């Protein structure tokens, strides 16, 4: 198999800088051919941009907070955040708005790059060595592959009839095949109104029963976008630490998420990187201890 370039895109605020540093080391350490990895940083604030702009490991660093359309302007609170940022000259791209703005800036970069692309949250870690070869093999059969949202009845999803879409990739960790164009995707949320699942077509699209509602969080358009553009997708399987099927992330904390590909642990997601300082809380410490128990760390190779 010919080995294509793999570009890795991550939206980062200054508070997540240590997570991003670890992600670069983790992806590099666990890849079979790390020389083909190219990393891109999408800075959500000026501090992150100034921190990473001259980082020799990176192939690009972009100022998301200066991008037209970076701020969602749908509600009064949206406008307050935007005006405060303009008046103080201090970017405030946080939460789902910041995440979506970072993703939309990534969409502008994708058409300019050769090779496969990966979009990831800063607080994810690969937990299977040789992941790059595995993903390249998967991308011979599908166009996109990645992490799904938590099933109904999960730790965070609960039993409510208002849910995210299920069993379909999201941008927590998303691999995109070379030549697959998703650059027209708009990732901005519209949480003010849900989508009612009224027909079998709706149910099949979002993998939710009739009578449920889809919350229009970041990426809510992605299933419809893929359908309209004939993009073939595959989702990992999410496993919680309390499950008997957990393989690597035995943290005892269902806040964490393990994603398995064809029955084997592949990617872990700590979650809450903006709320939990890197390796400074039990949530973070236990997560990365489990990661390194499975795949080691780059520092141990030096």
Protein backbone atom coordinates (compact mmCIF):
# COMPACT_ATOMS: atom_id res chain seq x y z
CA UNK A 1 0.00 0.00 0.00
CA UNK A 2 1.27 3.47 -0.86
CA UNK A 3 1.61 5.64 2.21
CA UNK A 4 -0.15 8.96 1.88
CA UNK A 5 0.48 12.10 3.90
CA UNK A 6 -1.77 12.44 6.96
CA UNK A 7 -2.62 15.99 8.04
CA UNK A 8 -3.81 16.43 11.63
CA UNK A 9 -6.00 19.45 12.45
CA UNK A 10 -6.77 20.57 16.02
CA UNK A 11 -8.52 23.68 17.37
CA UNK A 12 -6.62 24.90 20.45
CA UNK A 13 -7.08 27.62 23.04
CA UNK A 14 -4.24 28.66 25.34
CA UNK A 15 -5.65 26.65 28.22
CA UNK A 16 -5.43 23.49 26.12
CA UNK A 17 -1.83 23.96 25.02
CA UNK A 18 -0.46 21.09 27.14
CA UNK A 19 -3.15 18.76 25.79
CA UNK A 20 -2.16 19.69 22.26
CA UNK A 21 1.54 19.17 22.98
CA UNK A 22 0.71 15.71 24.26
CA UNK A 23 -1.49 14.95 21.23
CA UNK A 24 1.36 15.75 18.84
CA UNK A 25 3.73 13.49 20.78
CA UNK A 26 1.13 10.73 21.16
CA UNK A 27 0.14 10.65 17.48
CA UNK A 28 3.81 10.68 16.48
CA UNK A 29 4.87 8.05 19.00
CA UNK A 30 2.12 5.59 18.06
CA UNK A 31 2.30 5.94 14.26
CA UNK A 32 4.05 3.34 12.14
CA UNK A 33 5.40 6.04 9.85
CA UNK A 34 5.54 9.30 11.80
CA UNK A 35 7.38 11.08 8.99
CA UNK A 36 4.16 11.36 7.02
CA UNK A 37 2.29 13.22 9.79
CA UNK A 38 1.81 16.98 9.45
CA UNK A 39 0.23 18.97 12.27
CA UNK A 40 -1.87 22.13 12.08
CA UNK A 41 -3.01 24.34 14.96
CA UNK A 42 -6.19 26.43 14.84
CA UNK A 43 -5.75 29.01 17.59
CA UNK A 44 -8.94 30.16 19.31
CA UNK A 45 -7.22 33.05 21.09
CA UNK A 46 -4.17 35.24 20.58
CA UNK A 47 -2.28 33.56 23.44
CA UNK A 48 -2.50 30.18 21.73
CA UNK A 49 -1.47 31.69 18.40
CA UNK A 50 1.57 33.43 19.88
CA UNK A 51 2.51 30.24 21.74
CA UNK A 52 2.39 27.95 18.69
CA UNK A 53 3.01 30.22 15.70
CA UNK A 54 6.75 29.44 15.56
CA UNK A 55 6.53 25.85 16.74
CA UNK A 56 8.83 23.84 14.44
CA UNK A 57 6.66 20.73 14.77
CA UNK A 58 3.73 22.44 13.06
CA UNK A 59 3.04 22.99 9.38
CA UNK A 60 0.58 25.78 10.03
CA UNK A 61 -0.97 27.89 12.78
CA UNK A 62 -4.10 29.94 12.09
CA UNK A 63 -5.89 32.76 13.91
CA UNK A 64 -9.44 31.46 14.10
CA UNK A 65 -10.57 34.37 16.27
CA UNK A 66 -9.87 36.78 13.39
CA UNK A 67 -11.83 34.78 10.84
CA UNK A 68 -15.01 36.37 9.41
CA UNK A 69 -17.96 34.47 10.83
CA UNK A 70 -16.01 33.12 13.79
CA UNK A 71 -18.62 34.39 16.22
CA UNK A 72 -22.10 32.92 16.14
CA UNK A 73 -24.55 35.84 16.15
CA UNK A 74 -27.97 34.28 16.74
CA UNK A 75 -28.91 35.24 20.27
CA UNK A 76 -28.54 38.25 22.55
CA UNK A 77 -25.85 36.39 24.51
CA UNK A 78 -23.97 35.67 21.26
CA UNK A 79 -23.91 39.40 20.54
CA UNK A 80 -22.77 40.21 24.07
CA UNK A 81 -19.79 37.86 23.72
CA UNK A 82 -18.93 39.26 20.29
CA UNK A 83 -19.16 42.92 21.35
CA UNK A 84 -17.17 42.30 24.53
CA UNK A 85 -14.41 40.71 22.45
CA UNK A 86 -14.38 43.65 20.04
CA UNK A 87 -14.34 46.28 22.77
CA UNK A 88 -11.68 44.59 24.89
CA UNK A 89 -9.72 43.24 21.90
CA UNK A 90 -9.67 39.93 23.76
CA UNK A 91 -11.05 36.98 21.81
CA UNK A 92 -13.60 34.88 23.66
CA UNK A 93 -14.11 31.92 21.35
CA UNK A 94 -15.13 29.28 23.84
CA UNK A 95 -17.60 26.42 24.15
CA UNK A 96 -19.47 25.12 21.13
CA UNK A 97 -18.99 28.41 19.26
CA UNK A 98 -15.21 28.15 19.57
CA UNK A 99 -15.21 24.48 18.63
CA UNK A 100 -17.35 25.12 15.55
CA UNK A 101 -15.33 28.18 14.51
CA UNK A 102 -12.17 26.08 14.65
CA UNK A 103 -13.80 23.38 12.53
CA UNK A 104 -15.01 25.91 9.97
CA UNK A 105 -11.48 27.29 9.68
CA UNK A 106 -10.22 23.76 9.13
CA UNK A 107 -12.68 23.48 6.23
CA UNK A 108 -10.85 26.35 4.53
CA UNK A 109 -7.52 24.53 4.83
CA UNK A 110 -8.56 21.08 3.60
CA UNK A 111 -8.85 21.86 -0.14
CA UNK A 112 -5.23 23.09 -0.16
CA UNK A 113 -3.72 19.87 1.18
CA UNK A 114 -2.82 16.55 -0.40
CA UNK A 115 -3.30 13.35 1.58
CA UNK A 116 -5.71 12.10 4.23
CA UNK A 117 -6.90 14.45 6.97
CA UNK A 118 -7.72 13.96 10.63
CA UNK A 119 -9.72 16.38 12.77
CA UNK A 120 -9.33 15.85 16.52
CA UNK A 121 -10.12 17.37 19.89
CA UNK A 122 -7.00 18.38 21.82
CA UNK A 123 -7.79 15.97 24.69
CA UNK A 124 -7.82 12.76 22.67
CA UNK A 125 -5.08 10.13 22.53
CA UNK A 126 -4.45 7.21 20.19
CA UNK A 127 -4.36 3.92 22.09
CA UNK A 128 -3.39 1.57 19.27
CA UNK A 129 0.09 1.49 17.76
CA UNK A 130 0.33 1.59 13.99
CA UNK A 131 -2.90 3.59 13.85
CA UNK A 132 -1.87 5.38 10.66
CA UNK A 133 -1.66 2.15 8.68
CA UNK A 134 -4.96 0.93 10.10
CA UNK A 135 -6.76 4.15 9.17
CA UNK A 136 -5.26 4.17 5.69
CA UNK A 137 -6.55 0.65 5.17
CA UNK A 138 -10.01 1.65 6.44
CA UNK A 139 -10.08 4.59 4.06
CA UNK A 140 -9.84 2.27 1.07
CA UNK A 141 -13.45 1.25 1.80
CA UNK A 142 -15.02 4.39 3.33
CA UNK A 143 -14.67 8.15 2.91
CA UNK A 144 -14.83 9.18 6.57
CA UNK A 145 -14.38 7.23 9.80
CA UNK A 146 -14.46 8.40 13.38
CA UNK A 147 -15.93 8.66 16.83
CA UNK A 148 -19.69 8.53 17.51
CA UNK A 149 -21.68 10.31 20.19
CA UNK A 150 -22.67 8.45 23.34
CA UNK A 151 -25.62 6.02 22.94
CA UNK A 152 -29.00 6.71 24.53
CA UNK A 153 -28.92 5.96 28.26
CA UNK A 154 -25.24 6.82 28.66
CA UNK A 155 -23.35 8.74 31.34
CA UNK A 156 -24.00 12.12 29.70
CA UNK A 157 -26.73 11.40 27.15
CA UNK A 158 -29.22 10.07 29.68
CA UNK A 159 -32.65 8.74 28.77
CA UNK A 160 -34.15 11.97 27.47
CA UNK A 161 -35.79 11.97 24.05
CA UNK A 162 -33.56 14.91 23.13
CA UNK A 163 -30.29 13.45 21.88
CA UNK A 164 -27.36 13.97 19.54
CA UNK A 165 -27.33 11.85 16.38
CA UNK A 166 -26.04 8.30 16.92
CA UNK A 167 -23.79 5.67 15.28
CA UNK A 168 -22.28 8.18 12.86
CA UNK A 169 -18.92 9.98 12.99
CA UNK A 170 -18.46 13.31 14.76
CA UNK A 171 -15.43 15.64 14.83
CA UNK A 172 -14.00 14.48 18.18
CA UNK A 173 -11.72 12.25 16.07
CA UNK A 174 -12.55 12.15 12.38
CA UNK A 175 -10.44 10.76 9.51
CA UNK A 176 -11.23 11.98 5.99
CA UNK A 177 -10.04 10.19 2.88
CA UNK A 178 -7.77 11.94 0.41
CA UNK A 179 -10.03 13.42 -2.27
CA UNK A 180 -13.17 13.43 -0.12
CA UNK A 181 -14.39 17.03 -0.08
CA UNK A 182 -16.18 18.06 3.11
CA UNK A 183 -15.04 21.68 2.87
CA UNK A 184 -18.62 22.87 2.35
CA UNK A 185 -19.70 21.61 5.77
CA UNK A 186 -20.86 24.27 8.24
CA UNK A 187 -20.22 23.11 11.82
CA UNK A 188 -21.97 25.92 13.68
CA UNK A 189 -24.59 24.86 16.27
CA UNK A 190 -28.21 25.98 16.31
CA UNK A 191 -29.26 24.73 19.72
CA UNK A 192 -32.30 27.00 19.97
CA UNK A 193 -34.53 24.50 18.15
CA UNK A 194 -34.27 20.71 17.86
CA UNK A 195 -35.08 18.52 14.87
CA UNK A 196 -38.09 16.30 15.45
CA UNK A 197 -37.75 12.71 14.24
CA UNK A 198 -41.10 12.34 12.47
CA UNK A 199 -40.42 9.78 9.73
CA UNK A 200 -38.48 6.61 9.10
CA UNK A 201 -36.16 8.58 6.82
CA UNK A 202 -35.35 10.92 9.72
CA UNK A 203 -34.87 7.94 12.01
CA UNK A 204 -32.50 6.26 9.55
CA UNK A 205 -30.53 9.46 9.01
CA UNK A 206 -29.93 10.30 12.67
CA UNK A 207 -30.19 6.76 14.10
CA UNK A 208 -32.83 7.82 16.61
CA UNK A 209 -36.38 6.47 17.08
CA UNK A 210 -39.41 8.32 15.78
CA UNK A 211 -40.63 10.67 18.52
CA UNK A 212 -37.13 11.72 19.55
CA UNK A 213 -35.45 15.04 18.79
CA UNK A 214 -31.95 15.80 17.53
CA UNK A 215 -30.15 18.57 19.40
CA UNK A 216 -28.47 20.83 16.86
CA UNK A 217 -25.08 20.93 18.54
CA UNK A 218 -21.74 21.22 16.74
CA UNK A 219 -21.82 19.00 13.64
CA UNK A 220 -25.56 18.34 13.62
CA UNK A 221 -25.59 18.83 9.83
CA UNK A 222 -22.94 16.17 9.18
CA UNK A 223 -25.21 13.12 8.58
CA UNK A 224 -27.32 15.08 6.08
CA UNK A 225 -24.21 16.56 4.44
CA UNK A 226 -22.71 13.10 3.93
CA UNK A 227 -25.98 11.77 2.53
CA UNK A 228 -26.29 14.63 0.06
CA UNK A 229 -22.69 14.24 -1.11
CA UNK A 230 -22.66 10.43 -1.25
CA UNK A 231 -19.97 10.23 1.42
CA UNK A 232 -19.62 6.72 2.86
CA UNK A 233 -19.10 6.81 6.62
CA UNK A 234 -18.11 4.38 9.36
CA UNK A 235 -18.27 4.97 13.12
CA UNK A 236 -16.18 3.49 15.90
CA UNK A 237 -17.94 2.01 18.90
CA UNK A 238 -17.95 3.96 22.16
CA UNK A 239 -17.25 1.99 25.35
CA UNK A 240 -17.36 3.38 28.89
CA UNK A 241 -14.84 2.48 31.63
CA UNK A 242 -17.54 0.75 33.70
CA UNK A 243 -18.31 -1.66 30.84
CA UNK A 244 -17.01 -5.22 30.89
CA UNK A 245 -15.89 -4.54 27.31
CA UNK A 246 -13.42 -1.80 28.26
CA UNK A 247 -9.88 -2.64 27.17
CA UNK A 248 -7.57 0.29 27.94
CA UNK A 249 -9.26 3.16 29.79
CA UNK A 250 -9.88 1.39 33.08
CA UNK A 251 -10.14 4.70 34.91
CA UNK A 252 -13.36 3.83 36.72
CA UNK A 253 -14.77 7.13 35.44
CA UNK A 254 -17.49 6.99 32.80
CA UNK A 255 -16.73 10.62 32.02
CA UNK A 256 -13.92 9.22 29.85
CA UNK A 257 -14.60 7.57 26.50
CA UNK A 258 -12.88 4.66 24.77
CA UNK A 259 -13.56 4.15 21.08
CA UNK A 260 -13.05 0.73 19.59
CA UNK A 261 -12.51 -0.10 15.93
CA UNK A 262 -13.55 -3.61 14.91
CA UNK A 263 -13.43 -4.78 18.51
CA UNK A 264 -10.09 -3.23 19.51
CA UNK A 265 -9.42 -0.03 21.48
CA UNK A 266 -8.27 2.68 19.08
CA UNK A 267 -8.82 6.22 20.44
CA UNK A 268 -9.45 7.60 23.92
CA UNK A 269 -11.16 10.88 24.80
CA UNK A 270 -10.55 12.38 28.22
CA UNK A 271 -13.26 15.06 27.77
CA UNK A 272 -13.42 18.37 29.59
CA UNK A 273 -10.00 19.64 28.61
CA UNK A 274 -11.22 23.20 29.18
CA UNK A 275 -12.28 22.36 32.75
CA UNK A 276 -9.58 19.92 33.84
CA UNK A 277 -5.98 21.14 33.80
CA UNK A 278 -3.70 18.69 32.01
CA UNK A 279 -2.67 15.88 34.40
CA UNK A 280 -3.56 18.11 37.35
CA UNK A 281 -6.86 16.46 38.28
CA UNK A 282 -7.76 12.84 38.91
CA UNK A 283 -9.87 12.82 35.73
CA UNK A 284 -6.84 13.77 33.67
CA UNK A 285 -4.17 11.84 35.58
CA UNK A 286 -5.96 8.51 35.44
CA UNK A 287 -6.79 8.92 31.74
CA UNK A 288 -3.19 9.50 30.66
CA UNK A 289 -1.85 6.82 32.99
CA UNK A 290 -4.07 4.31 31.18
CA UNK A 291 -2.98 5.63 27.78
CA UNK A 292 0.70 5.26 28.62
CA UNK A 293 0.24 1.85 30.19
CA UNK A 294 -1.07 0.70 26.81
CA UNK A 295 1.11 2.51 24.26
CA UNK A 296 3.90 4.15 26.27
CA UNK A 297 4.92 7.72 25.60
CA UNK A 298 7.37 9.51 23.37
CA UNK A 299 9.51 10.66 26.30
CA UNK A 300 10.28 7.03 27.08
CA UNK A 301 11.71 6.58 23.58
CA UNK A 302 14.16 9.45 23.90
